[in-house]
């Protein structure tokens, strides 16, 4: 669901999104959401404590940086001087892919413990993420077009809020 929320906020920030960009974001999120549990499964108990100790901090940090940048950009330039925000650039996609999936490493560990066949699980996780993110990006773009420059600020704030939610859930033991 974090990947879906980031997809919506990225679409909002961009305001207009091509199908290629929507598919690129959904594909990135789908791949990361599938690969991270596979790595967690393969890593086994050796990495469990390290992953659980820092995954929420990494996710929060990455989302806060990307979201903060979007907020600063929304406030820094006059409308006629503004560059379009591009959460669909390769670097941004990489950061967002990591940020939304780092906690899935622990999911992979859980899959190993309960002996779920890893291939089927990671394929389903990746496919479902992809299928949910494509329409989420498109919906976000429609909302962004409707709210113009305020959408970039809102998208950045949403990314920071998602990071804070991840951090609070992990620190409070709710995850």
C-alpha atoms as a PDB file:
ATOM      1  CA  UNK A   1       0.000   0.000   0.000  1.00  0.00           C
ATOM      2  CA  UNK A   2       2.968   2.314   0.519  1.00  0.00           C
ATOM      3  CA  UNK A   3       3.903   1.840  -3.140  1.00  0.00           C
ATOM      4  CA  UNK A   4       0.322   2.710  -4.156  1.00  0.00           C
ATOM      5  CA  UNK A   5       0.324   5.853  -2.004  1.00  0.00           C
ATOM      6  CA  UNK A   6       3.695   6.928  -3.434  1.00  0.00           C
ATOM      7  CA  UNK A   7       2.360   6.234  -6.942  1.00  0.00           C
ATOM      8  CA  UNK A   8      -0.605   8.519  -6.318  1.00  0.00           C
ATOM      9  CA  UNK A   9       1.524  11.293  -4.824  1.00  0.00           C
ATOM     10  CA  UNK A  10       4.071  11.027  -7.660  1.00  0.00           C
ATOM     11  CA  UNK A  11       1.312  11.314 -10.234  1.00  0.00           C
ATOM     12  CA  UNK A  12      -0.056  14.318  -8.349  1.00  0.00           C
ATOM     13  CA  UNK A  13       3.335  16.007  -8.295  1.00  0.00           C
ATOM     14  CA  UNK A  14       3.865  15.477 -12.012  1.00  0.00           C
ATOM     15  CA  UNK A  15       0.347  16.522 -13.001  1.00  0.00           C
ATOM     16  CA  UNK A  16       0.587  14.739 -16.320  1.00  0.00           C
ATOM     17  CA  UNK A  17       1.921  11.238 -16.744  1.00  0.00           C
ATOM     18  CA  UNK A  18       2.460   9.179 -19.855  1.00  0.00           C
ATOM     19  CA  UNK A  19       1.624   5.508 -19.932  1.00  0.00           C
ATOM     20  CA  UNK A  20       5.345   4.830 -20.248  1.00  0.00           C
ATOM     21  CA  UNK A  21       6.032   6.692 -16.982  1.00  0.00           C
ATOM     22  CA  UNK A  22       3.153   4.959 -15.205  1.00  0.00           C
ATOM     23  CA  UNK A  23       4.406   1.570 -16.358  1.00  0.00           C
ATOM     24  CA  UNK A  24       7.988   2.445 -15.391  1.00  0.00           C
ATOM     25  CA  UNK A  25       6.975   3.393 -11.847  1.00  0.00           C
ATOM     26  CA  UNK A  26       4.672   0.414 -11.436  1.00  0.00           C
ATOM     27  CA  UNK A  27       7.335  -1.878 -12.874  1.00  0.00           C
ATOM     28  CA  UNK A  28       9.994  -0.478 -10.551  1.00  0.00           C
ATOM     29  CA  UNK A  29       7.773  -0.919  -7.523  1.00  0.00           C
ATOM     30  CA  UNK A  30       6.693  -4.390  -8.636  1.00  0.00           C
ATOM     31  CA  UNK A  31      10.291  -5.513  -9.127  1.00  0.00           C
ATOM     32  CA  UNK A  32      11.494  -4.071  -5.815  1.00  0.00           C
ATOM     33  CA  UNK A  33       8.503  -5.484  -3.936  1.00  0.00           C
ATOM     34  CA  UNK A  34       9.296  -8.917  -5.410  1.00  0.00           C
ATOM     35  CA  UNK A  35      13.091  -8.818  -5.094  1.00  0.00           C
ATOM     36  CA  UNK A  36      13.254  -7.627  -1.488  1.00  0.00           C
ATOM     37  CA  UNK A  37      11.282 -10.569  -0.045  1.00  0.00           C
ATOM     38  CA  UNK A  38      13.358 -12.911  -2.208  1.00  0.00           C
ATOM     39  CA  UNK A  39      16.526 -11.409  -0.723  1.00  0.00           C
ATOM     40  CA  UNK A  40      15.044 -11.650   2.755  1.00  0.00           C
ATOM     41  CA  UNK A  41      14.127 -15.268   2.141  1.00  0.00           C
ATOM     42  CA  UNK A  42      17.635 -16.023   0.919  1.00  0.00           C
ATOM     43  CA  UNK A  43      19.272 -14.056   3.743  1.00  0.00           C
ATOM     44  CA  UNK A  44      17.499 -16.050   6.400  1.00  0.00           C
ATOM     45  CA  UNK A  45      17.973 -15.447  10.080  1.00  0.00           C
ATOM     46  CA  UNK A  46      21.489 -14.048   9.600  1.00  0.00           C
ATOM     47  CA  UNK A  47      20.177 -10.690   8.380  1.00  0.00           C
ATOM     48  CA  UNK A  48      16.910 -10.579  10.305  1.00  0.00           C
ATOM     49  CA  UNK A  49      18.034  -8.478  13.249  1.00  0.00           C
ATOM     50  CA  UNK A  50      19.994  -6.031  11.070  1.00  0.00           C
ATOM     51  CA  UNK A  51      17.095  -5.578   8.671  1.00  0.00           C
ATOM     52  CA  UNK A  52      14.486  -5.114  11.378  1.00  0.00           C
ATOM     53  CA  UNK A  53      16.729  -2.712  13.283  1.00  0.00           C
ATOM     54  CA  UNK A  54      17.151  -0.239  10.413  1.00  0.00           C
ATOM     55  CA  UNK A  55      14.559  -0.791   7.666  1.00  0.00           C
ATOM     56  CA  UNK A  56      12.136   1.777   9.034  1.00  0.00           C
ATOM     57  CA  UNK A  57      14.884   4.414   9.353  1.00  0.00           C
ATOM     58  CA  UNK A  58      16.031   3.827   5.768  1.00  0.00           C
ATOM     59  CA  UNK A  59      12.457   4.044   4.431  1.00  0.00           C
ATOM     60  CA  UNK A  60      11.747   7.189   6.453  1.00  0.00           C
ATOM     61  CA  UNK A  61      15.007   8.857   5.395  1.00  0.00           C
ATOM     62  CA  UNK A  62      14.561   8.190   1.685  1.00  0.00           C
ATOM     63  CA  UNK A  63      10.909   9.254   1.635  1.00  0.00           C
ATOM     64  CA  UNK A  64      11.687  12.365   3.704  1.00  0.00           C
ATOM     65  CA  UNK A  65      14.483  13.389   1.313  1.00  0.00           C
ATOM     66  CA  UNK A  66      12.364  12.927  -1.814  1.00  0.00           C
ATOM     67  CA  UNK A  67       9.284  14.499  -0.191  1.00  0.00           C
ATOM     68  CA  UNK A  68      11.288  17.392   1.257  1.00  0.00           C
ATOM     69  CA  UNK A  69      12.800  18.090  -2.155  1.00  0.00           C
ATOM     70  CA  UNK A  70       9.327  18.177  -3.689  1.00  0.00           C
ATOM     71  CA  UNK A  71       8.114  20.633  -1.020  1.00  0.00           C
ATOM     72  CA  UNK A  72      11.142  22.894  -1.466  1.00  0.00           C
ATOM     73  CA  UNK A  73      10.664  22.860  -5.247  1.00  0.00           C
ATOM     74  CA  UNK A  74       6.980  23.717  -4.847  1.00  0.00           C
ATOM     75  CA  UNK A  75       7.868  26.802  -2.806  1.00  0.00           C
ATOM     76  CA  UNK A  76      11.137  27.964  -4.330  1.00  0.00           C
ATOM     77  CA  UNK A  77      10.343  29.074  -7.857  1.00  0.00           C
ATOM     78  CA  UNK A  78       7.718  31.298  -9.320  1.00  0.00           C
ATOM     79  CA  UNK A  79       5.202  29.518 -11.514  1.00  0.00           C
ATOM     80  CA  UNK A  80       6.777  30.787 -14.736  1.00  0.00           C
ATOM     81  CA  UNK A  81      10.271  29.636 -13.641  1.00  0.00           C
ATOM     82  CA  UNK A  82       9.352  26.258 -12.210  1.00  0.00           C
ATOM     83  CA  UNK A  83      10.800  23.025 -13.490  1.00  0.00           C
ATOM     84  CA  UNK A  84       8.409  20.139 -13.651  1.00  0.00           C
ATOM     85  CA  UNK A  85       9.014  17.727 -10.768  1.00  0.00           C
ATOM     86  CA  UNK A  86       9.989  14.340 -12.070  1.00  0.00           C
ATOM     87  CA  UNK A  87       9.551  11.472  -9.633  1.00  0.00           C
ATOM     88  CA  UNK A  88       9.724   9.257 -12.739  1.00  0.00           C
ATOM     89  CA  UNK A  89      13.414   9.958 -13.399  1.00  0.00           C
ATOM     90  CA  UNK A  90      15.631   6.892 -12.991  1.00  0.00           C
ATOM     91  CA  UNK A  91      17.311   8.125  -9.794  1.00  0.00           C
ATOM     92  CA  UNK A  92      13.996   9.041  -8.158  1.00  0.00           C
ATOM     93  CA  UNK A  93      12.454   5.699  -9.147  1.00  0.00           C
ATOM     94  CA  UNK A  94      15.406   3.868  -7.620  1.00  0.00           C
ATOM     95  CA  UNK A  95      15.141   5.780  -4.335  1.00  0.00           C
ATOM     96  CA  UNK A  96      11.371   5.380  -4.162  1.00  0.00           C
ATOM     97  CA  UNK A  97      11.621   1.680  -5.051  1.00  0.00           C
ATOM     98  CA  UNK A  98      14.046   1.082  -2.204  1.00  0.00           C
ATOM     99  CA  UNK A  99      12.118   3.258   0.248  1.00  0.00           C
ATOM    100  CA  UNK A 100       8.806   1.503  -0.347  1.00  0.00           C
ATOM    101  CA  UNK A 101      10.224  -2.024  -0.292  1.00  0.00           C
ATOM    102  CA  UNK A 102      13.029  -2.155   2.260  1.00  0.00           C
ATOM    103  CA  UNK A 103      10.690  -3.483   4.940  1.00  0.00           C
ATOM    104  CA  UNK A 104       9.751  -6.325   2.570  1.00  0.00           C
ATOM    105  CA  UNK A 105      13.115  -7.918   3.410  1.00  0.00           C
ATOM    106  CA  UNK A 106      11.581  -8.900   6.745  1.00  0.00           C
ATOM    107  CA  UNK A 107       8.569 -10.328   4.898  1.00  0.00           C
ATOM    108  CA  UNK A 108      10.946 -12.628   3.049  1.00  0.00           C
ATOM    109  CA  UNK A 109      12.356 -13.810   6.352  1.00  0.00           C
ATOM    110  CA  UNK A 110       8.843 -14.585   7.525  1.00  0.00           C
ATOM    111  CA  UNK A 111       8.161 -16.525   4.334  1.00  0.00           C
ATOM    112  CA  UNK A 112      11.240 -18.637   5.012  1.00  0.00           C
ATOM    113  CA  UNK A 113      10.202 -19.309   8.601  1.00  0.00           C
ATOM    114  CA  UNK A 114       6.695 -20.476   7.664  1.00  0.00           C
ATOM    115  CA  UNK A 115       8.049 -22.341   4.630  1.00  0.00           C
ATOM    116  CA  UNK A 116       6.027 -20.622   1.913  1.00  0.00           C
ATOM    117  CA  UNK A 117       7.285 -21.443  -1.601  1.00  0.00           C
ATOM    118  CA  UNK A 118       9.310 -18.311  -2.384  1.00  0.00           C
ATOM    119  CA  UNK A 119       8.886 -18.178  -6.155  1.00  0.00           C
ATOM    120  CA  UNK A 120       5.094 -18.139  -6.051  1.00  0.00           C
ATOM    121  CA  UNK A 121       5.037 -15.602  -3.223  1.00  0.00           C
ATOM    122  CA  UNK A 122       7.423 -13.110  -4.822  1.00  0.00           C
ATOM    123  CA  UNK A 123       5.703 -13.357  -8.204  1.00  0.00           C
ATOM    124  CA  UNK A 124       2.312 -12.649  -6.622  1.00  0.00           C
ATOM    125  CA  UNK A 125       3.701  -9.774  -4.541  1.00  0.00           C
ATOM    126  CA  UNK A 126       5.375  -8.190  -7.579  1.00  0.00           C
ATOM    127  CA  UNK A 127       2.388  -8.671  -9.875  1.00  0.00           C
ATOM    128  CA  UNK A 128      -0.142  -7.288  -7.389  1.00  0.00           C
ATOM    129  CA  UNK A 129       2.064  -4.274  -6.687  1.00  0.00           C
ATOM    130  CA  UNK A 130       2.422  -3.580 -10.407  1.00  0.00           C
ATOM    131  CA  UNK A 131      -1.309  -3.968 -11.077  1.00  0.00           C
ATOM    132  CA  UNK A 132      -2.233  -1.594  -8.241  1.00  0.00           C
ATOM    133  CA  UNK A 133       0.383   1.049  -9.022  1.00  0.00           C
ATOM    134  CA  UNK A 134      -0.472   1.642 -12.689  1.00  0.00           C
ATOM    135  CA  UNK A 135      -3.963   3.029 -11.994  1.00  0.00           C
ATOM    136  CA  UNK A 136      -2.664   4.771  -8.848  1.00  0.00           C
ATOM    137  CA  UNK A 137      -0.161   6.793 -10.898  1.00  0.00           C
ATOM    138  CA  UNK A 138      -2.855   7.687 -13.423  1.00  0.00           C
ATOM    139  CA  UNK A 139      -5.291   8.706 -10.661  1.00  0.00           C
ATOM    140  CA  UNK A 140      -2.611  10.845  -9.046  1.00  0.00           C
ATOM    141  CA  UNK A 141      -1.931  12.565 -12.358  1.00  0.00           C
ATOM    142  CA  UNK A 142      -5.612  13.468 -12.705  1.00  0.00           C
ATOM    143  CA  UNK A 143      -5.652  14.873  -9.164  1.00  0.00           C
ATOM    144  CA  UNK A 144      -2.404  16.742  -9.800  1.00  0.00           C
ATOM    145  CA  UNK A 145      -3.715  18.317 -12.966  1.00  0.00           C
ATOM    146  CA  UNK A 146      -6.778  19.488 -11.060  1.00  0.00           C
ATOM    147  CA  UNK A 147      -4.797  21.083  -8.232  1.00  0.00           C
ATOM    148  CA  UNK A 148      -1.817  22.424 -10.254  1.00  0.00           C
ATOM    149  CA  UNK A 149       1.219  23.561  -8.229  1.00  0.00           C
ATOM    150  CA  UNK A 150      -0.339  22.708  -4.867  1.00  0.00           C
ATOM    151  CA  UNK A 151      -0.150  19.043  -5.855  1.00  0.00           C
ATOM    152  CA  UNK A 152       3.662  18.999  -5.722  1.00  0.00           C
ATOM    153  CA  UNK A 153       3.588  20.297  -2.157  1.00  0.00           C
ATOM    154  CA  UNK A 154       0.856  17.802  -1.230  1.00  0.00           C
ATOM    155  CA  UNK A 155       2.747  14.949  -2.893  1.00  0.00           C
ATOM    156  CA  UNK A 156       5.900  15.790  -0.940  1.00  0.00           C
ATOM    157  CA  UNK A 157       3.953  16.020   2.308  1.00  0.00           C
ATOM    158  CA  UNK A 158       2.325  12.650   1.581  1.00  0.00           C
ATOM    159  CA  UNK A 159       5.721  11.022   1.004  1.00  0.00           C
ATOM    160  CA  UNK A 160       7.013  12.387   4.313  1.00  0.00           C
ATOM    161  CA  UNK A 161       3.824  11.229   6.052  1.00  0.00           C
ATOM    162  CA  UNK A 162       4.226   7.709   4.630  1.00  0.00           C
ATOM    163  CA  UNK A 163       7.818   7.639   5.882  1.00  0.00           C
ATOM    164  CA  UNK A 164       6.702   8.866   9.310  1.00  0.00           C
ATOM    165  CA  UNK A 165       3.964   6.209   9.401  1.00  0.00           C
ATOM    166  CA  UNK A 166       6.499   3.478   8.665  1.00  0.00           C
ATOM    167  CA  UNK A 167       8.823   4.821  11.355  1.00  0.00           C
ATOM    168  CA  UNK A 168       6.096   5.178  13.988  1.00  0.00           C
ATOM    169  CA  UNK A 169       4.695   1.702  13.297  1.00  0.00           C
ATOM    170  CA  UNK A 170       8.100   0.096  13.704  1.00  0.00           C
ATOM    171  CA  UNK A 171       9.100   2.097  16.769  1.00  0.00           C
ATOM    172  CA  UNK A 172       5.783   1.436  18.489  1.00  0.00           C
ATOM    173  CA  UNK A 173       5.836  -2.270  17.630  1.00  0.00           C
ATOM    174  CA  UNK A 174       2.618  -2.033  15.606  1.00  0.00           C
ATOM    175  CA  UNK A 175       4.227  -3.441  12.432  1.00  0.00           C
END
